[in-house]
Amino acid sequence: NIVSTVAGLPEGLMYSIQVDQDISCRTIGRCTYGAALDHEILD
């Protein structure tokens, strides 16, 4: 329903954004530590 959808938008959007920015840092920079991001690229 619209109430649960709107309430979940900020958290879902913010999580996706921080993962994408994390990937940028790990590819332009050299990652020395970090949790696995997904099953394809790992950490």
PDB file of all heavy atoms in Angstrom:
ATOM      1  N   ASN A   1       0.836  -1.199   0.000  1.00  0.00           N
ATOM      2  CA  ASN A   1       0.000   0.000   0.000  1.00  0.00           C
ATOM      3  C   ASN A   1       0.870   1.249   0.000  1.00  0.00           C
ATOM      4  O   ASN A   1       2.080   1.189   0.244  1.00  0.00           O
ATOM      5  CB  ASN A   1      -0.975  -0.010   1.194  1.00  0.00           C
ATOM      6  CG  ASN A   1      -0.258   0.032   2.531  1.00  0.00           C
ATOM      7  OD1 ASN A   1       0.665   0.814   2.725  1.00  0.00           O
ATOM      8  ND2 ASN A   1      -0.689  -0.811   3.461  1.00  0.00           N
ATOM      9  N   ILE A   2       0.282   2.386  -0.266  1.00  0.00           N
ATOM     10  CA  ILE A   2       1.056   3.616  -0.454  1.00  0.00           C
ATOM     11  C   ILE A   2       1.781   4.048   0.818  1.00  0.00           C
ATOM     12  O   ILE A   2       2.887   4.587   0.761  1.00  0.00           O
ATOM     13  CB  ILE A   2       0.144   4.751  -0.976  1.00  0.00           C
ATOM     14  CG1 ILE A   2       1.015   5.950  -1.403  1.00  0.00           C
ATOM     15  CG2 ILE A   2      -0.879   5.164   0.074  1.00  0.00           C
ATOM     16  CD1 ILE A   2       0.236   6.999  -2.161  1.00  0.00           C
ATOM     17  N   VAL A   3       1.200   3.777   1.986  1.00  0.00           N
ATOM     18  CA  VAL A   3       1.830   4.178   3.241  1.00  0.00           C
ATOM     19  C   VAL A   3       3.146   3.429   3.435  1.00  0.00           C
ATOM     20  O   VAL A   3       4.194   4.021   3.726  1.00  0.00           O
ATOM     21  CB  VAL A   3       0.889   3.934   4.438  1.00  0.00           C
ATOM     22  CG1 VAL A   3       1.617   4.228   5.745  1.00  0.00           C
ATOM     23  CG2 VAL A   3      -0.354   4.812   4.315  1.00  0.00           C
ATOM     24  N   SER A   4       3.126   2.109   3.282  1.00  0.00           N
ATOM     25  CA  SER A   4       4.348   1.326   3.475  1.00  0.00           C
ATOM     26  C   SER A   4       5.366   1.619   2.390  1.00  0.00           C
ATOM     27  O   SER A   4       6.576   1.603   2.627  1.00  0.00           O
ATOM     28  CB  SER A   4       4.017  -0.169   3.498  1.00  0.00           C
ATOM     29  OG  SER A   4       3.424  -0.577   2.280  1.00  0.00           O
ATOM     30  N   THR A   5       4.915   1.924   1.173  1.00  0.00           N
ATOM     31  CA  THR A   5       5.845   2.238   0.086  1.00  0.00           C
ATOM     32  C   THR A   5       6.581   3.542   0.348  1.00  0.00           C
ATOM     33  O   THR A   5       7.808   3.620   0.242  1.00  0.00           O
ATOM     34  CB  THR A   5       5.089   2.341  -1.260  1.00  0.00           C
ATOM     35  OG1 THR A   5       4.482   1.077  -1.550  1.00  0.00           O
ATOM     36  CG2 THR A   5       6.045   2.706  -2.389  1.00  0.00           C
ATOM     37  N   VAL A   6       5.857   4.592   0.716  1.00  0.00           N
ATOM     38  CA  VAL A   6       6.474   5.888   0.986  1.00  0.00           C
ATOM     39  C   VAL A   6       7.415   5.809   2.178  1.00  0.00           C
ATOM     40  O   VAL A   6       8.525   6.353   2.163  1.00  0.00           O
ATOM     41  CB  VAL A   6       5.387   6.966   1.217  1.00  0.00           C
ATOM     42  CG1 VAL A   6       6.018   8.253   1.722  1.00  0.00           C
ATOM     43  CG2 VAL A   6       4.623   7.223  -0.071  1.00  0.00           C
ATOM     44  N   ALA A   7       7.006   5.099   3.232  1.00  0.00           N
ATOM     45  CA  ALA A   7       7.836   4.989   4.430  1.00  0.00           C
ATOM     46  C   ALA A   7       9.149   4.284   4.138  1.00  0.00           C
ATOM     47  O   ALA A   7      10.178   4.578   4.742  1.00  0.00           O
ATOM     48  CB  ALA A   7       7.073   4.250   5.525  1.00  0.00           C
ATOM     49  N   GLY A   8       9.142   3.359   3.184  1.00  0.00           N
ATOM     50  CA  GLY A   8      10.348   2.607   2.881  1.00  0.00           C
ATOM     51  C   GLY A   8      11.252   3.261   1.866  1.00  0.00           C
ATOM     52  O   GLY A   8      12.401   2.831   1.696  1.00  0.00           O
ATOM     53  N   LEU A   9      10.784   4.309   1.187  1.00  0.00           N
ATOM     54  CA  LEU A   9      11.582   4.936   0.142  1.00  0.00           C
ATOM     55  C   LEU A   9      12.912   5.501   0.620  1.00  0.00           C
ATOM     56  O   LEU A   9      13.953   5.213   0.021  1.00  0.00           O
ATOM     57  CB  LEU A   9      10.767   6.034  -0.557  1.00  0.00           C
ATOM     58  CG  LEU A   9       9.814   5.579  -1.661  1.00  0.00           C
ATOM     59  CD1 LEU A   9       9.001   6.762  -2.167  1.00  0.00           C
ATOM     60  CD2 LEU A   9      10.568   4.918  -2.800  1.00  0.00           C
ATOM     61  N   PRO A  10      12.959   6.331   1.675  1.00  0.00           N
ATOM     62  CA  PRO A  10      14.244   6.912   2.073  1.00  0.00           C
ATOM     63  C   PRO A  10      15.291   5.872   2.417  1.00  0.00           C
ATOM     64  O   PRO A  10      16.437   5.949   1.965  1.00  0.00           O
ATOM     65  CB  PRO A  10      13.881   7.771   3.295  1.00  0.00           C
ATOM     66  CG  PRO A  10      12.430   8.054   3.145  1.00  0.00           C
ATOM     67  CD  PRO A  10      11.850   6.832   2.510  1.00  0.00           C
ATOM     68  N   GLU A  11      14.915   4.867   3.216  1.00  0.00           N
ATOM     69  CA  GLU A  11      15.888   3.866   3.635  1.00  0.00           C
ATOM     70  C   GLU A  11      16.402   3.053   2.458  1.00  0.00           C
ATOM     71  O   GLU A  11      17.604   2.804   2.324  1.00  0.00           O
ATOM     72  CB  GLU A  11      15.270   2.952   4.691  1.00  0.00           C
ATOM     73  CG  GLU A  11      15.030   3.642   6.020  1.00  0.00           C
ATOM     74  CD  GLU A  11      14.337   2.737   7.011  1.00  0.00           C
ATOM     75  OE1 GLU A  11      13.123   2.533   6.860  1.00  0.00           O
ATOM     76  OE2 GLU A  11      14.994   2.244   7.937  1.00  0.00           O
ATOM     77  N   GLY A  12      15.482   2.629   1.570  1.00  0.00           N
ATOM     78  CA  GLY A  12      15.888   1.851   0.408  1.00  0.00           C
ATOM     79  C   GLY A  12      16.777   2.641  -0.526  1.00  0.00           C
ATOM     80  O   GLY A  12      17.793   2.140  -1.030  1.00  0.00           O
ATOM     81  N   LEU A  13      16.420   3.907  -0.754  1.00  0.00           N
ATOM     82  CA  LEU A  13      17.218   4.771  -1.629  1.00  0.00           C
ATOM     83  C   LEU A  13      18.592   5.027  -1.032  1.00  0.00           C
ATOM     84  O   LEU A  13      19.620   4.925  -1.724  1.00  0.00           O
ATOM     85  CB  LEU A  13      16.484   6.101  -1.835  1.00  0.00           C
ATOM     86  CG  LEU A  13      17.228   7.190  -2.613  1.00  0.00           C
ATOM     87  CD1 LEU A  13      17.461   6.749  -4.048  1.00  0.00           C
ATOM     88  CD2 LEU A  13      16.445   8.509  -2.582  1.00  0.00           C
ATOM     89  N   MET A  14      18.658   5.323   0.257  1.00  0.00           N
ATOM     90  CA  MET A  14      19.925   5.645   0.903  1.00  0.00           C
ATOM     91  C   MET A  14      20.859   4.444   0.927  1.00  0.00           C
ATOM     92  O   MET A  14      22.073   4.581   0.763  1.00  0.00           O
ATOM     93  CB  MET A  14      19.663   6.189   2.310  1.00  0.00           C
ATOM     94  CG  MET A  14      18.969   7.547   2.291  1.00  0.00           C
ATOM     95  SD  MET A  14      18.289   8.047   3.892  1.00  0.00           S
ATOM     96  CE  MET A  14      19.780   8.549   4.733  1.00  0.00           C
ATOM     97  N   TYR A  15      20.306   3.244   1.106  1.00  0.00           N
ATOM     98  CA  TYR A  15      21.146   2.048   1.107  1.00  0.00           C
ATOM     99  C   TYR A  15      21.757   1.829  -0.273  1.00  0.00           C
ATOM    100  O   TYR A  15      22.956   1.561  -0.401  1.00  0.00           O
ATOM    101  CB  TYR A  15      20.328   0.826   1.520  1.00  0.00           C
ATOM    102  CG  TYR A  15      21.145  -0.457   1.508  1.00  0.00           C
ATOM    103  CD1 TYR A  15      21.996  -0.769   2.559  1.00  0.00           C
ATOM    104  CD2 TYR A  15      21.068  -1.341   0.428  1.00  0.00           C
ATOM    105  CE1 TYR A  15      22.764  -1.934   2.548  1.00  0.00           C
ATOM    106  CE2 TYR A  15      21.827  -2.503   0.406  1.00  0.00           C
ATOM    107  CZ  TYR A  15      22.666  -2.793   1.466  1.00  0.00           C
ATOM    108  OH  TYR A  15      23.434  -3.935   1.438  1.00  0.00           O
ATOM    109  N   SER A  16      20.943   1.960  -1.323  1.00  0.00           N
ATOM    110  CA  SER A  16      21.447   1.755  -2.687  1.00  0.00           C
ATOM    111  C   SER A  16      22.528   2.768  -3.038  1.00  0.00           C
ATOM    112  O   SER A  16      23.542   2.433  -3.666  1.00  0.00           O
ATOM    113  CB  SER A  16      20.291   1.869  -3.691  1.00  0.00           C
ATOM    114  OG  SER A  16      19.296   0.896  -3.445  1.00  0.00           O
ATOM    115  N   ILE A  17      22.339   4.012  -2.616  1.00  0.00           N
ATOM    116  CA  ILE A  17      23.309   5.063  -2.912  1.00  0.00           C
ATOM    117  C   ILE A  17      24.633   4.793  -2.217  1.00  0.00           C
ATOM    118  O   ILE A  17      25.706   4.911  -2.825  1.00  0.00           O
ATOM    119  CB  ILE A  17      22.749   6.437  -2.491  1.00  0.00           C
ATOM    120  CG1 ILE A  17      21.606   6.856  -3.422  1.00  0.00           C
ATOM    121  CG2 ILE A  17      23.849   7.501  -2.513  1.00  0.00           C
ATOM    122  CD1 ILE A  17      20.857   8.084  -2.946  1.00  0.00           C
ATOM    123  N   GLN A  18      24.588   4.418  -0.935  1.00  0.00           N
ATOM    124  CA  GLN A  18      25.850   4.230  -0.220  1.00  0.00           C
ATOM    125  C   GLN A  18      26.630   3.044  -0.782  1.00  0.00           C
ATOM    126  O   GLN A  18      27.857   3.059  -0.809  1.00  0.00           O
ATOM    127  CB  GLN A  18      25.618   4.088   1.292  1.00  0.00           C
ATOM    128  CG  GLN A  18      24.824   2.892   1.743  1.00  0.00           C
ATOM    129  CD  GLN A  18      25.693   1.773   2.302  1.00  0.00           C
ATOM    130  OE1 GLN A  18      26.898   1.804   2.143  1.00  0.00           O
ATOM    131  NE2 GLN A  18      25.073   0.804   2.932  1.00  0.00           N
ATOM    132  N   VAL A  19      25.939   2.006  -1.273  1.00  0.00           N
ATOM    133  CA  VAL A  19      26.636   0.881  -1.892  1.00  0.00           C
ATOM    134  C   VAL A  19      27.310   1.329  -3.182  1.00  0.00           C
ATOM    135  O   VAL A  19      28.468   0.979  -3.456  1.00  0.00           O
ATOM    136  CB  VAL A  19      25.663  -0.285  -2.163  1.00  0.00           C
ATOM    137  CG1 VAL A  19      26.339  -1.359  -3.019  1.00  0.00           C
ATOM    138  CG2 VAL A  19      25.183  -0.897  -0.846  1.00  0.00           C
ATOM    139  N   ASP A  20      26.608   2.129  -3.990  1.00  0.00           N
ATOM    140  CA  ASP A  20      27.187   2.595  -5.253  1.00  0.00           C
ATOM    141  C   ASP A  20      28.413   3.469  -5.016  1.00  0.00           C
ATOM    142  O   ASP A  20      29.436   3.343  -5.710  1.00  0.00           O
ATOM    143  CB  ASP A  20      26.137   3.370  -6.053  1.00  0.00           C
ATOM    144  CG  ASP A  20      26.620   3.731  -7.446  1.00  0.00           C
ATOM    145  OD1 ASP A  20      26.773   2.819  -8.274  1.00  0.00           O
ATOM    146  OD2 ASP A  20      26.871   4.929  -7.695  1.00  0.00           O
ATOM    147  N   GLN A  21      28.333   4.361  -4.022  1.00  0.00           N
ATOM    148  CA  GLN A  21      29.487   5.210  -3.710  1.00  0.00           C
ATOM    149  C   GLN A  21      30.648   4.375  -3.165  1.00  0.00           C
ATOM    150  O   GLN A  21      31.821   4.660  -3.429  1.00  0.00           O
ATOM    151  CB  GLN A  21      29.091   6.283  -2.698  1.00  0.00           C
ATOM    152  CG  GLN A  21      28.119   7.316  -3.231  1.00  0.00           C
ATOM    153  CD  GLN A  21      28.709   8.096  -4.394  1.00  0.00           C
ATOM    154  OE1 GLN A  21      29.719   8.782  -4.255  1.00  0.00           O
ATOM    155  NE2 GLN A  21      28.097   7.975  -5.562  1.00  0.00           N
ATOM    156  N   ASP A  22      30.315   3.338  -2.411  1.00  0.00           N
ATOM    157  CA  ASP A  22      31.328   2.430  -1.888  1.00  0.00           C
ATOM    158  C   ASP A  22      32.085   1.758  -3.038  1.00  0.00           C
ATOM    159  O   ASP A  22      33.319   1.651  -3.025  1.00  0.00           O
ATOM    160  CB  ASP A  22      30.636   1.385  -1.009  1.00  0.00           C
ATOM    161  CG  ASP A  22      31.580   0.684  -0.052  1.00  0.00           C
ATOM    162  OD1 ASP A  22      32.795   0.932  -0.111  1.00  0.00           O
ATOM    163  OD2 ASP A  22      31.097  -0.122   0.766  1.00  0.00           O
ATOM    164  N   ILE A  23      31.341   1.315  -4.054  1.00  0.00           N
ATOM    165  CA  ILE A  23      31.968   0.676  -5.213  1.00  0.00           C
ATOM    166  C   ILE A  23      32.900   1.652  -5.928  1.00  0.00           C
ATOM    167  O   ILE A  23      34.002   1.281  -6.353  1.00  0.00           O
ATOM    168  CB  ILE A  23      30.896   0.137  -6.177  1.00  0.00           C
ATOM    169  CG1 ILE A  23      30.139  -1.024  -5.525  1.00  0.00           C
ATOM    170  CG2 ILE A  23      31.527  -0.319  -7.491  1.00  0.00           C
ATOM    171  CD1 ILE A  23      28.959  -1.520  -6.330  1.00  0.00           C
ATOM    172  N   SER A  24      32.486   2.913  -6.059  1.00  0.00           N
ATOM    173  CA  SER A  24      33.342   3.918  -6.709  1.00  0.00           C
ATOM    174  C   SER A  24      34.666   4.058  -5.964  1.00  0.00           C
ATOM    175  O   SER A  24      35.739   4.129  -6.570  1.00  0.00           O
ATOM    176  CB  SER A  24      32.621   5.269  -6.764  1.00  0.00           C
ATOM    177  OG  SER A  24      31.507   5.219  -7.622  1.00  0.00           O
ATOM    178  N   CYS A  25      34.585   4.102  -4.632  1.00  0.00           N
ATOM    179  CA  CYS A  25      35.808   4.222  -3.834  1.00  0.00           C
ATOM    180  C   CYS A  25      36.708   3.008  -3.994  1.00  0.00           C
ATOM    181  O   CYS A  25      37.936   3.126  -4.032  1.00  0.00           O
ATOM    182  CB  CYS A  25      35.450   4.416  -2.356  1.00  0.00           C
ATOM    183  SG  CYS A  25      34.812   6.044  -1.945  1.00  0.00           S
ATOM    184  N   ARG A  26      36.114   1.829  -4.112  1.00  0.00           N
ATOM    185  CA  ARG A  26      36.909   0.605  -4.176  1.00  0.00           C
ATOM    186  C   ARG A  26      37.503   0.359  -5.560  1.00  0.00           C
ATOM    187  O   ARG A  26      38.411  -0.471  -5.700  1.00  0.00           O
ATOM    188  CB  ARG A  26      36.054  -0.595  -3.747  1.00  0.00           C
ATOM    189  CG  ARG A  26      35.534  -0.494  -2.321  1.00  0.00           C
ATOM    190  CD  ARG A  26      34.932  -1.816  -1.870  1.00  0.00           C
ATOM    191  NE  ARG A  26      34.070  -1.623  -0.683  1.00  0.00           N
ATOM    192  CZ  ARG A  26      33.736  -2.599   0.146  1.00  0.00           C
ATOM    193  NH1 ARG A  26      34.176  -3.823  -0.060  1.00  0.00           N
ATOM    194  NH2 ARG A  26      32.948  -2.359   1.181  1.00  0.00           N
ATOM    195  N   THR A  27      36.977   1.037  -6.583  1.00  0.00           N
ATOM    196  CA  THR A  27      37.515   0.848  -7.930  1.00  0.00           C
ATOM    197  C   THR A  27      38.490   1.953  -8.321  1.00  0.00           C
ATOM    198  O   THR A  27      39.503   1.685  -8.973  1.00  0.00           O
ATOM    199  CB  THR A  27      36.376   0.773  -8.964  1.00  0.00           C
ATOM    200  OG1 THR A  27      35.501   1.904  -8.803  1.00  0.00           O
ATOM    201  CG2 THR A  27      35.566  -0.501  -8.798  1.00  0.00           C
ATOM    202  N   ILE A  28      38.218   3.191  -7.917  1.00  0.00           N
ATOM    203  CA  ILE A  28      39.160   4.283  -8.173  1.00  0.00           C
ATOM    204  C   ILE A  28      40.282   4.246  -7.144  1.00  0.00           C
ATOM    205  O   ILE A  28      41.449   4.473  -7.444  1.00  0.00           O
ATOM    206  CB  ILE A  28      38.454   5.651  -8.137  1.00  0.00           C
ATOM    207  CG1 ILE A  28      37.297   5.684  -9.135  1.00  0.00           C
ATOM    208  CG2 ILE A  28      39.437   6.779  -8.416  1.00  0.00           C
ATOM    209  CD1 ILE A  28      37.706   5.434 -10.574  1.00  0.00           C
ATOM    210  N   GLY A  29      39.915   3.966  -5.896  1.00  0.00           N
ATOM    211  CA  GLY A  29      40.899   3.785  -4.848  1.00  0.00           C
ATOM    212  C   GLY A  29      41.256   2.312  -4.708  1.00  0.00           C
ATOM    213  O   GLY A  29      40.772   1.464  -5.469  1.00  0.00           O
ATOM    214  N   ARG A  30      42.087   2.019  -3.747  1.00  0.00           N
ATOM    215  CA  ARG A  30      42.490   0.636  -3.474  1.00  0.00           C
ATOM    216  C   ARG A  30      41.913   0.217  -2.136  1.00  0.00           C
ATOM    217  O   ARG A  30      42.302   0.745  -1.084  1.00  0.00           O
ATOM    218  CB  ARG A  30      44.010   0.514  -3.449  1.00  0.00           C
ATOM    219  CG  ARG A  30      44.503  -0.890  -3.107  1.00  0.00           C
ATOM    220  CD  ARG A  30      46.017  -0.954  -3.134  1.00  0.00           C
ATOM    221  NE  ARG A  30      46.516  -2.277  -2.773  1.00  0.00           N
ATOM    222  CZ  ARG A  30      47.812  -2.628  -2.777  1.00  0.00           C
ATOM    223  NH1 ARG A  30      48.721  -1.722  -3.133  1.00  0.00           N
ATOM    224  NH2 ARG A  30      48.177  -3.837  -2.445  1.00  0.00           N
ATOM    225  N   CYS A  31      40.980  -0.708  -2.166  1.00  0.00           N
ATOM    226  CA  CYS A  31      40.307  -1.135  -0.947  1.00  0.00           C
ATOM    227  C   CYS A  31      41.239  -2.008  -0.118  1.00  0.00           C
ATOM    228  O   CYS A  31      41.755  -3.024  -0.596  1.00  0.00           O
ATOM    229  CB  CYS A  31      39.028  -1.886  -1.286  1.00  0.00           C
ATOM    230  SG  CYS A  31      38.048  -2.331   0.149  1.00  0.00           S
ATOM    231  N   THR A  32      41.450  -1.623   1.120  1.00  0.00           N
ATOM    232  CA  THR A  32      42.262  -2.420   2.040  1.00  0.00           C
ATOM    233  C   THR A  32      41.397  -3.237   2.989  1.00  0.00           C
ATOM    234  O   THR A  32      41.868  -4.213   3.567  1.00  0.00           O
ATOM    235  CB  THR A  32      43.183  -1.511   2.868  1.00  0.00           C
ATOM    236  OG1 THR A  32      42.382  -0.632   3.679  1.00  0.00           O
ATOM    237  CG2 THR A  32      44.083  -0.677   1.966  1.00  0.00           C
ATOM    238  N   TYR A  33      40.140  -2.819   3.153  1.00  0.00           N
ATOM    239  CA  TYR A  33      39.206  -3.576   3.980  1.00  0.00           C
ATOM    240  C   TYR A  33      37.786  -3.122   3.669  1.00  0.00           C
ATOM    241  O   TYR A  33      37.528  -1.932   3.451  1.00  0.00           O
ATOM    242  CB  TYR A  33      39.457  -3.373   5.481  1.00  0.00           C
ATOM    243  CG  TYR A  33      38.442  -4.121   6.326  1.00  0.00           C
ATOM    244  CD1 TYR A  33      38.615  -5.470   6.582  1.00  0.00           C
ATOM    245  CD2 TYR A  33      37.293  -3.493   6.801  1.00  0.00           C
ATOM    246  CE1 TYR A  33      37.673  -6.181   7.319  1.00  0.00           C
ATOM    247  CE2 TYR A  33      36.351  -4.192   7.536  1.00  0.00           C
ATOM    248  CZ  TYR A  33      36.545  -5.539   7.788  1.00  0.00           C
ATOM    249  OH  TYR A  33      35.607  -6.239   8.496  1.00  0.00           O
ATOM    250  N   GLY A  34      36.872  -4.071   3.678  1.00  0.00           N
ATOM    251  CA  GLY A  34      35.462  -3.764   3.491  1.00  0.00           C
ATOM    252  C   GLY A  34      34.687  -5.055   3.330  1.00  0.00           C
ATOM    253  O   GLY A  34      35.217  -6.052   2.822  1.00  0.00           O
ATOM    254  N   ALA A  35      33.444  -5.054   3.736  1.00  0.00           N
ATOM    255  CA  ALA A  35      32.610  -6.244   3.599  1.00  0.00           C
ATOM    256  C   ALA A  35      32.320  -6.508   2.131  1.00  0.00           C
ATOM    257  O   ALA A  35      32.398  -5.606   1.284  1.00  0.00           O
ATOM    258  CB  ALA A  35      31.309  -6.052   4.373  1.00  0.00           C
ATOM    259  N   ALA A  36      31.983  -7.751   1.805  1.00  0.00           N
ATOM    260  CA  ALA A  36      31.596  -8.085   0.437  1.00  0.00           C
ATOM    261  C   ALA A  36      30.362  -7.276   0.044  1.00  0.00           C
ATOM    262  O   ALA A  36      29.428  -7.118   0.840  1.00  0.00           O
ATOM    263  CB  ALA A  36      31.315  -9.581   0.321  1.00  0.00           C
ATOM    264  N   LEU A  37      30.363  -6.764  -1.196  1.00  0.00           N
ATOM    265  CA  LEU A  37      29.267  -5.916  -1.660  1.00  0.00           C
ATOM    266  C   LEU A  37      28.180  -6.720  -2.368  1.00  0.00           C
ATOM    267  O   LEU A  37      27.002  -6.406  -2.262  1.00  0.00           O
ATOM    268  CB  LEU A  37      29.814  -4.838  -2.596  1.00  0.00           C
ATOM    269  CG  LEU A  37      30.781  -3.851  -1.922  1.00  0.00           C
ATOM    270  CD1 LEU A  37      31.478  -2.990  -2.955  1.00  0.00           C
ATOM    271  CD2 LEU A  37      30.028  -2.985  -0.923  1.00  0.00           C
ATOM    272  N   ASP A  38      28.573  -7.715  -3.137  1.00  0.00           N
ATOM    273  CA  ASP A  38      27.615  -8.639  -3.733  1.00  0.00           C
ATOM    274  C   ASP A  38      28.368  -9.898  -4.134  1.00  0.00           C
ATOM    275  O   ASP A  38      29.585 -10.004  -3.955  1.00  0.00           O
ATOM    276  CB  ASP A  38      26.849  -8.011  -4.906  1.00  0.00           C
ATOM    277  CG  ASP A  38      27.747  -7.617  -6.075  1.00  0.00           C
ATOM    278  OD1 ASP A  38      28.678  -8.377  -6.416  1.00  0.00           O
ATOM    279  OD2 ASP A  38      27.507  -6.556  -6.675  1.00  0.00           O
ATOM    280  N   HIS A  39      27.653 -10.871  -4.693  1.00  0.00           N
ATOM    281  CA  HIS A  39      28.259 -12.167  -4.991  1.00  0.00           C
ATOM    282  C   HIS A  39      29.117 -12.147  -6.257  1.00  0.00           C
ATOM    283  O   HIS A  39      29.825 -13.123  -6.520  1.00  0.00           O
ATOM    284  CB  HIS A  39      27.170 -13.231  -5.127  1.00  0.00           C
ATOM    285  CG  HIS A  39      26.434 -13.494  -3.851  1.00  0.00           C
ATOM    286  ND1 HIS A  39      27.048 -14.042  -2.737  1.00  0.00           N
ATOM    287  CD2 HIS A  39      25.140 -13.266  -3.488  1.00  0.00           C
ATOM    288  CE1 HIS A  39      26.165 -14.160  -1.755  1.00  0.00           C
ATOM    289  NE2 HIS A  39      25.008 -13.692  -2.180  1.00  0.00           N
ATOM    290  N   GLU A  40      29.054 -11.044  -7.004  1.00  0.00           N
ATOM    291  CA  GLU A  40      29.848 -10.981  -8.240  1.00  0.00           C
ATOM    292  C   GLU A  40      31.200 -10.319  -8.015  1.00  0.00           C
ATOM    293  O   GLU A  40      32.242 -10.836  -8.422  1.00  0.00           O
ATOM    294  CB  GLU A  40      29.080 -10.236  -9.328  1.00  0.00           C
ATOM    295  CG  GLU A  40      29.820 -10.167 -10.655  1.00  0.00           C
ATOM    296  CD  GLU A  40      28.977  -9.558 -11.755  1.00  0.00           C
ATOM    297  OE1 GLU A  40      27.953  -8.924 -11.454  1.00  0.00           O
ATOM    298  OE2 GLU A  40      29.360  -9.715 -12.938  1.00  0.00           O
ATOM    299  N   ILE A  41      31.201  -9.164  -7.361  1.00  0.00           N
ATOM    300  CA  ILE A  41      32.453  -8.422  -7.185  1.00  0.00           C
ATOM    301  C   ILE A  41      33.083  -8.637  -5.819  1.00  0.00           C
ATOM    302  O   ILE A  41      34.216  -8.207  -5.565  1.00  0.00           O
ATOM    303  CB  ILE A  41      32.238  -6.913  -7.434  1.00  0.00           C
ATOM    304  CG1 ILE A  41      31.231  -6.325  -6.440  1.00  0.00           C
ATOM    305  CG2 ILE A  41      31.795  -6.665  -8.860  1.00  0.00           C
ATOM    306  CD1 ILE A  41      31.028  -4.832  -6.593  1.00  0.00           C
ATOM    307  N   LEU A  42      32.363  -9.252  -4.904  1.00  0.00           N
ATOM    308  CA  LEU A  42      32.850  -9.534  -3.553  1.00  0.00           C
ATOM    309  C   LEU A  42      33.287  -8.243  -2.857  1.00  0.00           C
ATOM    310  O   LEU A  42      32.554  -7.266  -2.883  1.00  0.00           O
ATOM    311  CB  LEU A  42      33.964 -10.577  -3.612  1.00  0.00           C
ATOM    312  CG  LEU A  42      33.557 -11.909  -4.268  1.00  0.00           C
ATOM    313  CD1 LEU A  42      34.735 -12.866  -4.353  1.00  0.00           C
ATOM    314  CD2 LEU A  42      32.391 -12.550  -3.541  1.00  0.00           C
ATOM    315  N   ASP A  43      34.496  -8.203  -2.251  1.00  0.00           N
ATOM    316  CA  ASP A  43      34.887  -7.008  -1.499  1.00  0.00           C
ATOM    317  C   ASP A  43      35.831  -6.085  -2.267  1.00  0.00           C
ATOM    318  O   ASP A  43      36.177  -5.013  -1.780  1.00  0.00           O
ATOM    319  CB  ASP A  43      35.522  -7.392  -0.157  1.00  0.00           C
ATOM    320  CG  ASP A  43      36.781  -8.254  -0.317  1.00  0.00           C
ATOM    321  OD1 ASP A  43      37.253  -8.427  -1.451  1.00  0.00           O
ATOM    322  OD2 ASP A  43      37.285  -8.752   0.709  1.00  0.00           O
TER     323      ASP A  43
END
